[in-house]
Amino acid sequence: NSMKYTNESFPEYFILMGLTKYPWLDLPLFFVLLTSYLFTLSGNTAIILVSQRDSQLQSPMYFFLASLSFLDLCFTTTTVPQMLFNLGGPNKSITYTGCVVQAYVFHWLGCSECVLLGVMALDRYVALCRPLRYSVIMDHKLCRQLSGTAWMLGLANSLLQSTLTFQLPLCGNQVLDHFFCELPGLIRMACGDTRVNVVTLAVVATFVITGPLSMILVSYAYIARAVFRIPSAAGRLKAFNTCSSHLLVVSLFYGPGIYIYMQPPGDEPQDLTKVLTLFYCVITPMANPFIYTLRNKEVTGALRRLLRKTISSKRI
């Protein structure tokens, strides 16, 4: 009985129900996801390269932008290759070990991004409300410490939530109604008492989401007051453009996350949850580089200079 319980609690693999119940959509979805993944890789890699190599982008703002791009690269790589593998063939499963690794890493990176977006709002507050002391306050040491704090808080959250989730008994259930191993879906498939997991997930998610979000809202309240005090319309527009990209990224990331993690897992249909999850783990990482480049002339100029240097070096 003990061996049977162990095998049922720790199966060799999980069967993933995927994005849709219609098999004929697998091939179109495969090409859509592959295209978006390639855009994500190229866009975020370009942001990291220009932030590191262009002398005009050596400021805290672009340090955090490069950190966000690196997080997005890792974040989307945690799920998309597995999704492409499942969509591209008859195998719709993931090993138990692969599921454990995916869940831990995904929630580590997701929480880290939540905190980092809050840190980026704090950086914008210092830049616009304390411009004369900006370089002194946001020095390289503090930037690295803030970025490291985001990673460490994300890791602590993942270790707590994922460890609690994988302690739940499964009673032989191997069918996961999702396209990857996300904690709310894993909690729903458990057969034991999940009240501790549900409460812990809701409470911790509330702190993880509302903490940085409160920092963002307070920072932008002070920023808005500072912007309206700028005498020239051109100055106000420049300040607004600097912040609007970050606000758009925050909206795209936090909106689906609030819906998914700040309500208890229930028995409702998972179609909307899957769409929202796909949005913040695939669409948002792809959109972030384009949001920042299209609305930021400094990044656009740096990309052009990098492209010219690359073309010139190839000609030589």
C-alpha atoms as a PDB file:
ATOM      1  CA  ASN A   1       0.000   0.000   0.000  1.00  0.00           C
ATOM      2  CA  SER A   2       2.870   2.340   0.822  1.00  0.00           C
ATOM      3  CA  MET A   3       4.496   1.694  -2.570  1.00  0.00           C
ATOM      4  CA  LYS A   4       1.152   2.175  -4.335  1.00  0.00           C
ATOM      5  CA  TYR A   5       0.585   5.486  -2.524  1.00  0.00           C
ATOM      6  CA  THR A   6       4.063   6.674  -3.488  1.00  0.00           C
ATOM      7  CA  ASN A   7       3.515   5.811  -7.151  1.00  0.00           C
ATOM      8  CA  GLU A   8       0.136   7.528  -7.179  1.00  0.00           C
ATOM      9  CA  SER A   9       1.491  10.622  -5.435  1.00  0.00           C
ATOM     10  CA  PHE A  10       4.571  10.869  -7.659  1.00  0.00           C
ATOM     11  CA  PRO A  11       3.606   9.665 -11.160  1.00  0.00           C
ATOM     12  CA  GLU A  12       6.181   9.220 -13.884  1.00  0.00           C
ATOM     13  CA  TYR A  13       4.531  11.836 -16.067  1.00  0.00           C
ATOM     14  CA  PHE A  14       1.572  14.187 -16.414  1.00  0.00           C
ATOM     15  CA  ILE A  15      -0.766  14.356 -19.400  1.00  0.00           C
ATOM     16  CA  LEU A  16      -1.245  17.987 -20.469  1.00  0.00           C
ATOM     17  CA  MET A  17      -4.663  18.866 -21.881  1.00  0.00           C
ATOM     18  CA  GLY A  18      -3.083  21.763 -23.761  1.00  0.00           C
ATOM     19  CA  LEU A  19      -4.486  25.059 -24.983  1.00  0.00           C
ATOM     20  CA  THR A  20      -7.513  23.665 -26.785  1.00  0.00           C
ATOM     21  CA  LYS A  21      -9.495  20.448 -27.092  1.00  0.00           C
ATOM     22  CA  TYR A  22      -9.484  20.664 -30.902  1.00  0.00           C
ATOM     23  CA  PRO A  23      -6.500  18.724 -32.365  1.00  0.00           C
ATOM     24  CA  TRP A  24      -6.763  20.451 -35.733  1.00  0.00           C
ATOM     25  CA  LEU A  25      -5.666  23.704 -34.058  1.00  0.00           C
ATOM     26  CA  ASP A  26      -2.346  22.219 -32.904  1.00  0.00           C
ATOM     27  CA  LEU A  27      -0.422  22.979 -36.098  1.00  0.00           C
ATOM     28  CA  PRO A  28      -1.596  26.613 -36.471  1.00  0.00           C
ATOM     29  CA  LEU A  29      -0.899  27.209 -32.776  1.00  0.00           C
ATOM     30  CA  PHE A  30       2.546  25.654 -33.189  1.00  0.00           C
ATOM     31  CA  PHE A  31       3.528  28.173 -35.873  1.00  0.00           C
ATOM     32  CA  VAL A  32       1.987  31.110 -33.978  1.00  0.00           C
ATOM     33  CA  LEU A  33       3.875  30.196 -30.795  1.00  0.00           C
ATOM     34  CA  LEU A  34       7.103  29.540 -32.679  1.00  0.00           C
ATOM     35  CA  THR A  35       6.892  32.932 -34.379  1.00  0.00           C
ATOM     36  CA  SER A  36       6.156  34.735 -31.112  1.00  0.00           C
ATOM     37  CA  TYR A  37       9.003  32.895 -29.376  1.00  0.00           C
ATOM     38  CA  LEU A  38      11.486  33.900 -32.089  1.00  0.00           C
ATOM     39  CA  PHE A  39      10.346  37.526 -31.776  1.00  0.00           C
ATOM     40  CA  THR A  40      10.748  37.282 -28.003  1.00  0.00           C
ATOM     41  CA  LEU A  41      14.279  35.906 -28.295  1.00  0.00           C
ATOM     42  CA  SER A  42      15.402  38.458 -30.873  1.00  0.00           C
ATOM     43  CA  GLY A  43      13.711  41.475 -29.273  1.00  0.00           C
ATOM     44  CA  ASN A  44      14.876  40.884 -25.716  1.00  0.00           C
ATOM     45  CA  THR A  45      18.382  39.883 -26.825  1.00  0.00           C
ATOM     46  CA  ALA A  46      18.620  43.136 -28.793  1.00  0.00           C
ATOM     47  CA  ILE A  47      17.592  45.146 -25.707  1.00  0.00           C
ATOM     48  CA  ILE A  48      20.255  43.416 -23.604  1.00  0.00           C
ATOM     49  CA  LEU A  49      22.966  43.970 -26.232  1.00  0.00           C
ATOM     50  CA  VAL A  50      22.289  47.669 -26.773  1.00  0.00           C
ATOM     51  CA  SER A  51      22.018  48.295 -23.023  1.00  0.00           C
ATOM     52  CA  GLN A  52      25.416  46.704 -22.485  1.00  0.00           C
ATOM     53  CA  ARG A  53      27.289  48.032 -25.521  1.00  0.00           C
ATOM     54  CA  ASP A  54      25.920  51.529 -26.144  1.00  0.00           C
ATOM     55  CA  SER A  55      27.621  54.193 -24.034  1.00  0.00           C
ATOM     56  CA  GLN A  56      24.535  56.417 -24.154  1.00  0.00           C
ATOM     57  CA  LEU A  57      22.431  53.797 -22.356  1.00  0.00           C
ATOM     58  CA  GLN A  58      24.625  53.371 -19.280  1.00  0.00           C
ATOM     59  CA  SER A  59      22.043  54.530 -16.763  1.00  0.00           C
ATOM     60  CA  PRO A  60      19.997  52.748 -14.067  1.00  0.00           C
ATOM     61  CA  MET A  61      16.872  52.863 -16.239  1.00  0.00           C
ATOM     62  CA  TYR A  62      18.516  50.761 -18.945  1.00  0.00           C
ATOM     63  CA  PHE A  63      20.172  48.482 -16.410  1.00  0.00           C
ATOM     64  CA  PHE A  64      16.707  47.554 -15.139  1.00  0.00           C
ATOM     65  CA  LEU A  65      15.375  47.347 -18.701  1.00  0.00           C
ATOM     66  CA  ALA A  66      18.117  44.841 -19.556  1.00  0.00           C
ATOM     67  CA  SER A  67      17.305  42.929 -16.355  1.00  0.00           C
ATOM     68  CA  LEU A  68      13.644  42.803 -17.385  1.00  0.00           C
ATOM     69  CA  SER A  69      14.580  41.530 -20.841  1.00  0.00           C
ATOM     70  CA  PHE A  70      16.763  38.801 -19.348  1.00  0.00           C
ATOM     71  CA  LEU A  71      13.918  37.794 -17.037  1.00  0.00           C
ATOM     72  CA  ASP A  72      11.505  37.689 -19.978  1.00  0.00           C
ATOM     73  CA  LEU A  73      13.900  35.501 -21.971  1.00  0.00           C
ATOM     74  CA  CYS A  74      14.137  32.991 -19.124  1.00  0.00           C
ATOM     75  CA  PHE A  75      10.430  33.288 -18.285  1.00  0.00           C
ATOM     76  CA  THR A  76       9.137  32.435 -21.750  1.00  0.00           C
ATOM     77  CA  THR A  77      11.789  29.740 -22.299  1.00  0.00           C
ATOM     78  CA  THR A  78      10.472  27.940 -19.219  1.00  0.00           C
ATOM     79  CA  THR A  79       7.172  27.140 -20.955  1.00  0.00           C
ATOM     80  CA  VAL A  80       7.232  27.711 -24.716  1.00  0.00           C
ATOM     81  CA  PRO A  81       9.700  24.959 -25.811  1.00  0.00           C
ATOM     82  CA  GLN A  82       7.621  22.370 -23.931  1.00  0.00           C
ATOM     83  CA  MET A  83       4.442  23.732 -25.516  1.00  0.00           C
ATOM     84  CA  LEU A  84       6.000  23.564 -28.986  1.00  0.00           C
ATOM     85  CA  PHE A  85       7.110  19.977 -28.352  1.00  0.00           C
ATOM     86  CA  ASN A  86       3.592  18.963 -27.307  1.00  0.00           C
ATOM     87  CA  LEU A  87       1.896  20.801 -30.175  1.00  0.00           C
ATOM     88  CA  GLY A  88       4.315  19.455 -32.775  1.00  0.00           C
ATOM     89  CA  GLY A  89       3.756  15.765 -32.113  1.00  0.00           C
ATOM     90  CA  PRO A  90       1.481  13.138 -30.603  1.00  0.00           C
ATOM     91  CA  ASN A  91       3.176  13.288 -27.188  1.00  0.00           C
ATOM     92  CA  LYS A  92       1.132  15.569 -24.901  1.00  0.00           C
ATOM     93  CA  SER A  93       2.900  14.770 -21.661  1.00  0.00           C
ATOM     94  CA  ILE A  94       5.637  16.073 -19.381  1.00  0.00           C
ATOM     95  CA  THR A  95       7.718  14.018 -16.972  1.00  0.00           C
ATOM     96  CA  TYR A  96       7.157  14.449 -13.241  1.00  0.00           C
ATOM     97  CA  THR A  97      10.691  15.806 -12.827  1.00  0.00           C
ATOM     98  CA  GLY A  98      10.199  18.173 -15.747  1.00  0.00           C
ATOM     99  CA  CYS A  99       6.940  19.382 -14.233  1.00  0.00           C
ATOM    100  CA  VAL A 100       8.607  20.031 -10.870  1.00  0.00           C
ATOM    101  CA  VAL A 101      11.461  21.985 -12.456  1.00  0.00           C
ATOM    102  CA  GLN A 102       9.081  23.950 -14.674  1.00  0.00           C
ATOM    103  CA  ALA A 103       6.808  24.915 -11.769  1.00  0.00           C
ATOM    104  CA  TYR A 104       9.670  26.026  -9.524  1.00  0.00           C
ATOM    105  CA  VAL A 105      11.440  28.055 -12.222  1.00  0.00           C
ATOM    106  CA  PHE A 106       8.274  29.579 -13.699  1.00  0.00           C
ATOM    107  CA  HIS A 107       7.020  30.903 -10.367  1.00  0.00           C
ATOM    108  CA  TRP A 108      10.495  32.043  -9.366  1.00  0.00           C
ATOM    109  CA  LEU A 109      10.814  34.152 -12.511  1.00  0.00           C
ATOM    110  CA  GLY A 110       7.194  35.348 -12.470  1.00  0.00           C
ATOM    111  CA  CYS A 111       7.447  36.643  -8.900  1.00  0.00           C
ATOM    112  CA  SER A 112      10.852  38.198  -9.627  1.00  0.00           C
ATOM    113  CA  GLU A 113       9.340  40.115 -12.540  1.00  0.00           C
ATOM    114  CA  CYS A 114       6.533  41.407 -10.322  1.00  0.00           C
ATOM    115  CA  VAL A 115       9.078  42.837  -7.889  1.00  0.00           C
ATOM    116  CA  LEU A 116      11.367  44.151 -10.639  1.00  0.00           C
ATOM    117  CA  LEU A 117       8.517  46.115 -12.222  1.00  0.00           C
ATOM    118  CA  GLY A 118       7.988  47.774  -8.842  1.00  0.00           C
ATOM    119  CA  VAL A 119      11.708  48.571  -8.614  1.00  0.00           C
ATOM    120  CA  MET A 120      11.585  50.123 -12.090  1.00  0.00           C
ATOM    121  CA  ALA A 121       8.766  52.424 -10.950  1.00  0.00           C
ATOM    122  CA  LEU A 122      10.901  53.480  -7.981  1.00  0.00           C
ATOM    123  CA  ASP A 123      13.752  54.254 -10.374  1.00  0.00           C
ATOM    124  CA  ARG A 124      11.437  56.451 -12.475  1.00  0.00           C
ATOM    125  CA  TYR A 125      10.292  58.247  -9.318  1.00  0.00           C
ATOM    126  CA  VAL A 126      13.866  59.120  -8.330  1.00  0.00           C
ATOM    127  CA  ALA A 127      14.717  60.188 -11.896  1.00  0.00           C
ATOM    128  CA  LEU A 128      11.771  62.565 -12.250  1.00  0.00           C
ATOM    129  CA  CYS A 129      11.224  63.729  -8.668  1.00  0.00           C
ATOM    130  CA  ARG A 130      14.861  63.834  -7.478  1.00  0.00           C
ATOM    131  CA  PRO A 131      16.733  64.504 -10.760  1.00  0.00           C
ATOM    132  CA  LEU A 132      19.707  66.313  -9.199  1.00  0.00           C
ATOM    133  CA  ARG A 133      20.440  63.406  -6.862  1.00  0.00           C
ATOM    134  CA  TYR A 134      19.475  60.627  -9.288  1.00  0.00           C
ATOM    135  CA  SER A 135      22.992  59.423 -10.092  1.00  0.00           C
ATOM    136  CA  VAL A 136      23.971  59.542  -6.420  1.00  0.00           C
ATOM    137  CA  ILE A 137      20.929  57.647  -5.112  1.00  0.00           C
ATOM    138  CA  MET A 138      20.622  55.085  -7.909  1.00  0.00           C
ATOM    139  CA  ASP A 139      24.280  54.091  -8.086  1.00  0.00           C
ATOM    140  CA  HIS A 140      25.468  50.767  -9.550  1.00  0.00           C
ATOM    141  CA  LYS A 141      25.650  49.092  -6.154  1.00  0.00           C
ATOM    142  CA  LEU A 142      22.044  49.934  -5.249  1.00  0.00           C
ATOM    143  CA  CYS A 143      20.822  48.889  -8.699  1.00  0.00           C
ATOM    144  CA  ARG A 144      22.467  45.479  -8.340  1.00  0.00           C
ATOM    145  CA  GLN A 145      21.091  45.121  -4.816  1.00  0.00           C
ATOM    146  CA  LEU A 146      17.540  45.966  -5.928  1.00  0.00           C
ATOM    147  CA  SER A 147      17.747  43.575  -8.869  1.00  0.00           C
ATOM    148  CA  GLY A 148      19.168  40.849  -6.632  1.00  0.00           C
ATOM    149  CA  THR A 149      16.389  41.434  -4.107  1.00  0.00           C
ATOM    150  CA  ALA A 150      13.794  40.844  -6.821  1.00  0.00           C
ATOM    151  CA  TRP A 151      15.426  37.524  -7.714  1.00  0.00           C
ATOM    152  CA  MET A 152      15.718  36.423  -4.080  1.00  0.00           C
ATOM    153  CA  LEU A 153      12.104  37.284  -3.219  1.00  0.00           C
ATOM    154  CA  GLY A 154      10.972  35.376  -6.304  1.00  0.00           C
ATOM    155  CA  LEU A 155      13.032  32.361  -5.269  1.00  0.00           C
ATOM    156  CA  ALA A 156      11.661  32.408  -1.710  1.00  0.00           C
ATOM    157  CA  ASN A 157       8.080  32.581  -3.012  1.00  0.00           C
ATOM    158  CA  SER A 158       8.659  29.711  -5.444  1.00  0.00           C
ATOM    159  CA  LEU A 159      10.295  27.493  -2.831  1.00  0.00           C
ATOM    160  CA  LEU A 160       7.349  27.983  -0.460  1.00  0.00           C
ATOM    161  CA  GLN A 161       4.482  27.675  -2.942  1.00  0.00           C
ATOM    162  CA  SER A 162       5.870  24.924  -5.155  1.00  0.00           C
ATOM    163  CA  THR A 163       7.079  22.786  -2.249  1.00  0.00           C
ATOM    164  CA  LEU A 164       3.644  22.932  -0.604  1.00  0.00           C
ATOM    165  CA  THR A 165       1.943  22.080  -3.899  1.00  0.00           C
ATOM    166  CA  PHE A 166       4.064  19.028  -4.669  1.00  0.00           C
ATOM    167  CA  GLN A 167       3.323  17.597  -1.222  1.00  0.00           C
ATOM    168  CA  LEU A 168      -0.332  17.139  -2.194  1.00  0.00           C
ATOM    169  CA  PRO A 169      -1.550  13.579  -2.912  1.00  0.00           C
ATOM    170  CA  LEU A 170      -2.697  12.934  -6.474  1.00  0.00           C
ATOM    171  CA  CYS A 171      -4.381   9.523  -6.003  1.00  0.00           C
ATOM    172  CA  GLY A 172      -3.257   8.381  -9.446  1.00  0.00           C
ATOM    173  CA  ASN A 173      -4.526  11.505 -11.235  1.00  0.00           C
ATOM    174  CA  GLN A 174      -2.150  12.352 -14.087  1.00  0.00           C
ATOM    175  CA  VAL A 175      -4.314  14.628 -16.235  1.00  0.00           C
ATOM    176  CA  LEU A 176      -3.444  18.312 -15.874  1.00  0.00           C
ATOM    177  CA  ASP A 177      -5.969  20.662 -17.465  1.00  0.00           C
ATOM    178  CA  HIS A 178      -3.371  23.173 -18.609  1.00  0.00           C
ATOM    179  CA  PHE A 179      -0.593  23.564 -21.167  1.00  0.00           C
ATOM    180  CA  PHE A 180       2.206  23.620 -18.574  1.00  0.00           C
ATOM    181  CA  CYS A 181       2.764  22.998 -14.863  1.00  0.00           C
ATOM    182  CA  GLU A 182       1.293  26.019 -13.102  1.00  0.00           C
ATOM    183  CA  LEU A 183       0.475  25.844  -9.401  1.00  0.00           C
ATOM    184  CA  PRO A 184      -3.284  26.615  -9.512  1.00  0.00           C
ATOM    185  CA  GLY A 185      -3.754  23.802 -12.050  1.00  0.00           C
ATOM    186  CA  LEU A 186      -1.688  21.366  -9.966  1.00  0.00           C
ATOM    187  CA  ILE A 187      -3.683  22.249  -6.834  1.00  0.00           C
ATOM    188  CA  ARG A 188      -6.956  21.579  -8.677  1.00  0.00           C
ATOM    189  CA  MET A 189      -5.885  18.059  -9.671  1.00  0.00           C
ATOM    190  CA  ALA A 190      -4.969  17.036  -6.088  1.00  0.00           C
ATOM    191  CA  CYS A 191      -7.296  14.665  -4.231  1.00  0.00           C
ATOM    192  CA  GLY A 192      -6.436  15.663  -0.667  1.00  0.00           C
ATOM    193  CA  ASP A 193      -7.203  18.666   1.499  1.00  0.00           C
ATOM    194  CA  THR A 194      -5.955  21.715  -0.403  1.00  0.00           C
ATOM    195  CA  ARG A 195      -7.161  24.426   1.980  1.00  0.00           C
ATOM    196  CA  VAL A 196      -3.653  25.243   3.233  1.00  0.00           C
ATOM    197  CA  ASN A 197      -2.375  25.510  -0.346  1.00  0.00           C
ATOM    198  CA  VAL A 198      -5.284  27.661  -1.485  1.00  0.00           C
ATOM    199  CA  VAL A 199      -4.981  30.055   1.458  1.00  0.00           C
ATOM    200  CA  THR A 200      -1.185  30.243   1.198  1.00  0.00           C
ATOM    201  CA  LEU A 201      -1.334  30.865  -2.547  1.00  0.00           C
ATOM    202  CA  ALA A 202      -3.919  33.621  -2.126  1.00  0.00           C
ATOM    203  CA  VAL A 203      -2.154  35.316   0.806  1.00  0.00           C
ATOM    204  CA  VAL A 204       1.360  35.193  -0.651  1.00  0.00           C
ATOM    205  CA  ALA A 205       0.111  36.193  -4.118  1.00  0.00           C
ATOM    206  CA  THR A 206      -1.655  39.162  -2.536  1.00  0.00           C
ATOM    207  CA  PHE A 207       1.604  40.373  -0.976  1.00  0.00           C
ATOM    208  CA  VAL A 208       3.681  39.575  -4.071  1.00  0.00           C
ATOM    209  CA  ILE A 209       1.287  41.386  -6.406  1.00  0.00           C
ATOM    210  CA  THR A 210      -0.132  44.195  -4.275  1.00  0.00           C
ATOM    211  CA  GLY A 211       3.226  45.085  -2.673  1.00  0.00           C
ATOM    212  CA  PRO A 212       5.034  46.032  -5.907  1.00  0.00           C
ATOM    213  CA  LEU A 213       1.769  47.306  -7.413  1.00  0.00           C
ATOM    214  CA  SER A 214       1.311  49.679  -4.468  1.00  0.00           C
ATOM    215  CA  MET A 215       4.892  50.864  -4.964  1.00  0.00           C
ATOM    216  CA  ILE A 216       4.110  51.485  -8.630  1.00  0.00           C
ATOM    217  CA  LEU A 217       0.903  53.410  -7.920  1.00  0.00           C
ATOM    218  CA  VAL A 218       2.463  55.570  -5.198  1.00  0.00           C
ATOM    219  CA  SER A 219       5.547  56.276  -7.331  1.00  0.00           C
ATOM    220  CA  TYR A 220       3.451  57.347 -10.299  1.00  0.00           C
ATOM    221  CA  ALA A 221       1.221  59.495  -8.137  1.00  0.00           C
ATOM    222  CA  TYR A 222       4.308  61.522  -7.134  1.00  0.00           C
ATOM    223  CA  ILE A 223       5.583  61.397 -10.724  1.00  0.00           C
ATOM    224  CA  ALA A 224       2.286  62.767 -12.060  1.00  0.00           C
ATOM    225  CA  ARG A 225       2.441  65.635  -9.598  1.00  0.00           C
ATOM    226  CA  ALA A 226       6.031  66.393 -10.641  1.00  0.00           C
ATOM    227  CA  VAL A 227       5.195  66.192 -14.355  1.00  0.00           C
ATOM    228  CA  PHE A 228       2.319  68.657 -14.091  1.00  0.00           C
ATOM    229  CA  ARG A 229       4.704  71.142 -12.474  1.00  0.00           C
ATOM    230  CA  ILE A 230       6.989  71.133 -15.538  1.00  0.00           C
ATOM    231  CA  PRO A 231       6.398  74.505 -17.222  1.00  0.00           C
ATOM    232  CA  SER A 232       6.915  73.473 -20.860  1.00  0.00           C
ATOM    233  CA  ALA A 233       4.586  71.190 -22.800  1.00  0.00           C
ATOM    234  CA  ALA A 234       7.595  69.542 -24.488  1.00  0.00           C
ATOM    235  CA  GLY A 235       9.091  68.693 -21.095  1.00  0.00           C
ATOM    236  CA  ARG A 236       5.829  67.208 -19.874  1.00  0.00           C
ATOM    237  CA  LEU A 237       5.503  65.128 -23.034  1.00  0.00           C
ATOM    238  CA  LYS A 238       9.062  63.804 -22.706  1.00  0.00           C
ATOM    239  CA  ALA A 239       8.472  62.816 -19.077  1.00  0.00           C
ATOM    240  CA  PHE A 240       5.174  61.166 -19.993  1.00  0.00           C
ATOM    241  CA  ASN A 241       6.789  59.147 -22.799  1.00  0.00           C
ATOM    242  CA  THR A 242       9.503  57.978 -20.410  1.00  0.00           C
ATOM    243  CA  CYS A 243       6.914  56.516 -18.029  1.00  0.00           C
ATOM    244  CA  SER A 244       4.144  55.390 -20.371  1.00  0.00           C
ATOM    245  CA  SER A 245       6.094  52.379 -21.685  1.00  0.00           C
ATOM    246  CA  HIS A 246       6.622  51.062 -18.177  1.00  0.00           C
ATOM    247  CA  LEU A 247       2.964  51.626 -17.266  1.00  0.00           C
ATOM    248  CA  LEU A 248       1.832  49.700 -20.345  1.00  0.00           C
ATOM    249  CA  VAL A 249       4.132  46.781 -19.500  1.00  0.00           C
ATOM    250  CA  VAL A 250       2.825  46.789 -15.914  1.00  0.00           C
ATOM    251  CA  SER A 251      -0.771  46.654 -17.156  1.00  0.00           C
ATOM    252  CA  LEU A 252      -0.080  43.767 -19.521  1.00  0.00           C
ATOM    253  CA  PHE A 253       1.717  41.725 -16.854  1.00  0.00           C
ATOM    254  CA  TYR A 254      -0.304  42.460 -13.732  1.00  0.00           C
ATOM    255  CA  GLY A 255      -3.800  42.278 -15.218  1.00  0.00           C
ATOM    256  CA  PRO A 256      -3.854  38.527 -16.014  1.00  0.00           C
ATOM    257  CA  GLY A 257      -1.760  37.715 -12.924  1.00  0.00           C
ATOM    258  CA  ILE A 258      -4.278  39.385 -10.590  1.00  0.00           C
ATOM    259  CA  TYR A 259      -7.152  37.391 -12.103  1.00  0.00           C
ATOM    260  CA  ILE A 260      -5.341  34.044 -11.906  1.00  0.00           C
ATOM    261  CA  TYR A 261      -3.582  34.210  -8.547  1.00  0.00           C
ATOM    262  CA  MET A 262      -5.780  36.416  -6.390  1.00  0.00           C
ATOM    263  CA  GLN A 263      -8.784  34.120  -6.476  1.00  0.00           C
ATOM    264  CA  PRO A 264      -8.981  30.563  -5.103  1.00  0.00           C
ATOM    265  CA  PRO A 265      -8.742  27.679  -7.598  1.00  0.00           C
ATOM    266  CA  GLY A 266     -12.232  26.419  -8.386  1.00  0.00           C
ATOM    267  CA  ASP A 267     -14.007  24.064 -10.736  1.00  0.00           C
ATOM    268  CA  GLU A 268     -14.888  26.696 -13.308  1.00  0.00           C
ATOM    269  CA  PRO A 269     -13.958  26.152 -16.989  1.00  0.00           C
ATOM    270  CA  GLN A 270     -10.289  26.838 -17.576  1.00  0.00           C
ATOM    271  CA  ASP A 271     -10.538  28.391 -21.052  1.00  0.00           C
ATOM    272  CA  LEU A 272     -10.278  31.993 -19.833  1.00  0.00           C
ATOM    273  CA  THR A 273      -7.516  31.092 -17.372  1.00  0.00           C
ATOM    274  CA  LYS A 274      -5.502  29.453 -20.145  1.00  0.00           C
ATOM    275  CA  VAL A 275      -5.885  32.455 -22.436  1.00  0.00           C
ATOM    276  CA  LEU A 276      -4.812  34.878 -19.700  1.00  0.00           C
ATOM    277  CA  THR A 277      -1.881  32.662 -18.719  1.00  0.00           C
ATOM    278  CA  LEU A 278      -0.802  32.472 -22.357  1.00  0.00           C
ATOM    279  CA  PHE A 279      -1.034  36.247 -22.506  1.00  0.00           C
ATOM    280  CA  TYR A 280       1.325  37.031 -19.639  1.00  0.00           C
ATOM    281  CA  CYS A 281       3.802  34.175 -20.182  1.00  0.00           C
ATOM    282  CA  VAL A 282       4.059  34.416 -24.006  1.00  0.00           C
ATOM    283  CA  ILE A 283       2.540  37.615 -25.399  1.00  0.00           C
ATOM    284  CA  THR A 284       3.827  40.074 -22.787  1.00  0.00           C
ATOM    285  CA  PRO A 285       7.516  38.982 -22.975  1.00  0.00           C
ATOM    286  CA  MET A 286       7.280  39.322 -26.762  1.00  0.00           C
ATOM    287  CA  ALA A 287       5.615  42.738 -26.590  1.00  0.00           C
ATOM    288  CA  ASN A 288       7.916  44.338 -24.000  1.00  0.00           C
ATOM    289  CA  PRO A 289      10.908  45.021 -26.318  1.00  0.00           C
ATOM    290  CA  PHE A 290       8.629  46.545 -28.965  1.00  0.00           C
ATOM    291  CA  ILE A 291       6.827  48.703 -26.397  1.00  0.00           C
ATOM    292  CA  TYR A 292      10.120  50.124 -25.153  1.00  0.00           C
ATOM    293  CA  THR A 293      11.743  50.556 -28.582  1.00  0.00           C
ATOM    294  CA  LEU A 294       8.724  52.100 -30.296  1.00  0.00           C
ATOM    295  CA  ARG A 295       8.222  54.680 -27.537  1.00  0.00           C
ATOM    296  CA  ASN A 296      11.861  55.334 -26.637  1.00  0.00           C
ATOM    297  CA  LYS A 297      14.003  57.281 -29.104  1.00  0.00           C
ATOM    298  CA  GLU A 298      17.214  56.517 -27.188  1.00  0.00           C
ATOM    299  CA  VAL A 299      16.701  52.752 -27.480  1.00  0.00           C
ATOM    300  CA  THR A 300      15.680  53.085 -31.141  1.00  0.00           C
ATOM    301  CA  GLY A 301      18.810  55.119 -31.874  1.00  0.00           C
ATOM    302  CA  ALA A 302      21.006  52.620 -30.011  1.00  0.00           C
ATOM    303  CA  LEU A 303      19.523  49.736 -32.034  1.00  0.00           C
ATOM    304  CA  ARG A 304      20.263  51.592 -35.265  1.00  0.00           C
ATOM    305  CA  ARG A 305      23.868  52.250 -34.202  1.00  0.00           C
ATOM    306  CA  LEU A 306      24.326  48.592 -33.227  1.00  0.00           C
ATOM    307  CA  LEU A 307      22.870  47.481 -36.559  1.00  0.00           C
ATOM    308  CA  ARG A 308      25.169  49.815 -38.494  1.00  0.00           C
ATOM    309  CA  LYS A 309      28.206  48.548 -36.577  1.00  0.00           C
ATOM    310  CA  THR A 310      27.212  44.945 -37.243  1.00  0.00           C
ATOM    311  CA  ILE A 311      26.747  45.579 -40.985  1.00  0.00           C
ATOM    312  CA  SER A 312      30.062  47.497 -41.200  1.00  0.00           C
ATOM    313  CA  SER A 313      31.985  44.719 -39.442  1.00  0.00           C
ATOM    314  CA  LYS A 314      30.561  42.104 -41.816  1.00  0.00           C
ATOM    315  CA  ARG A 315      31.581  44.149 -44.855  1.00  0.00           C
ATOM    316  CA  ILE A 316      35.127  44.389 -43.551  1.00  0.00           C
END
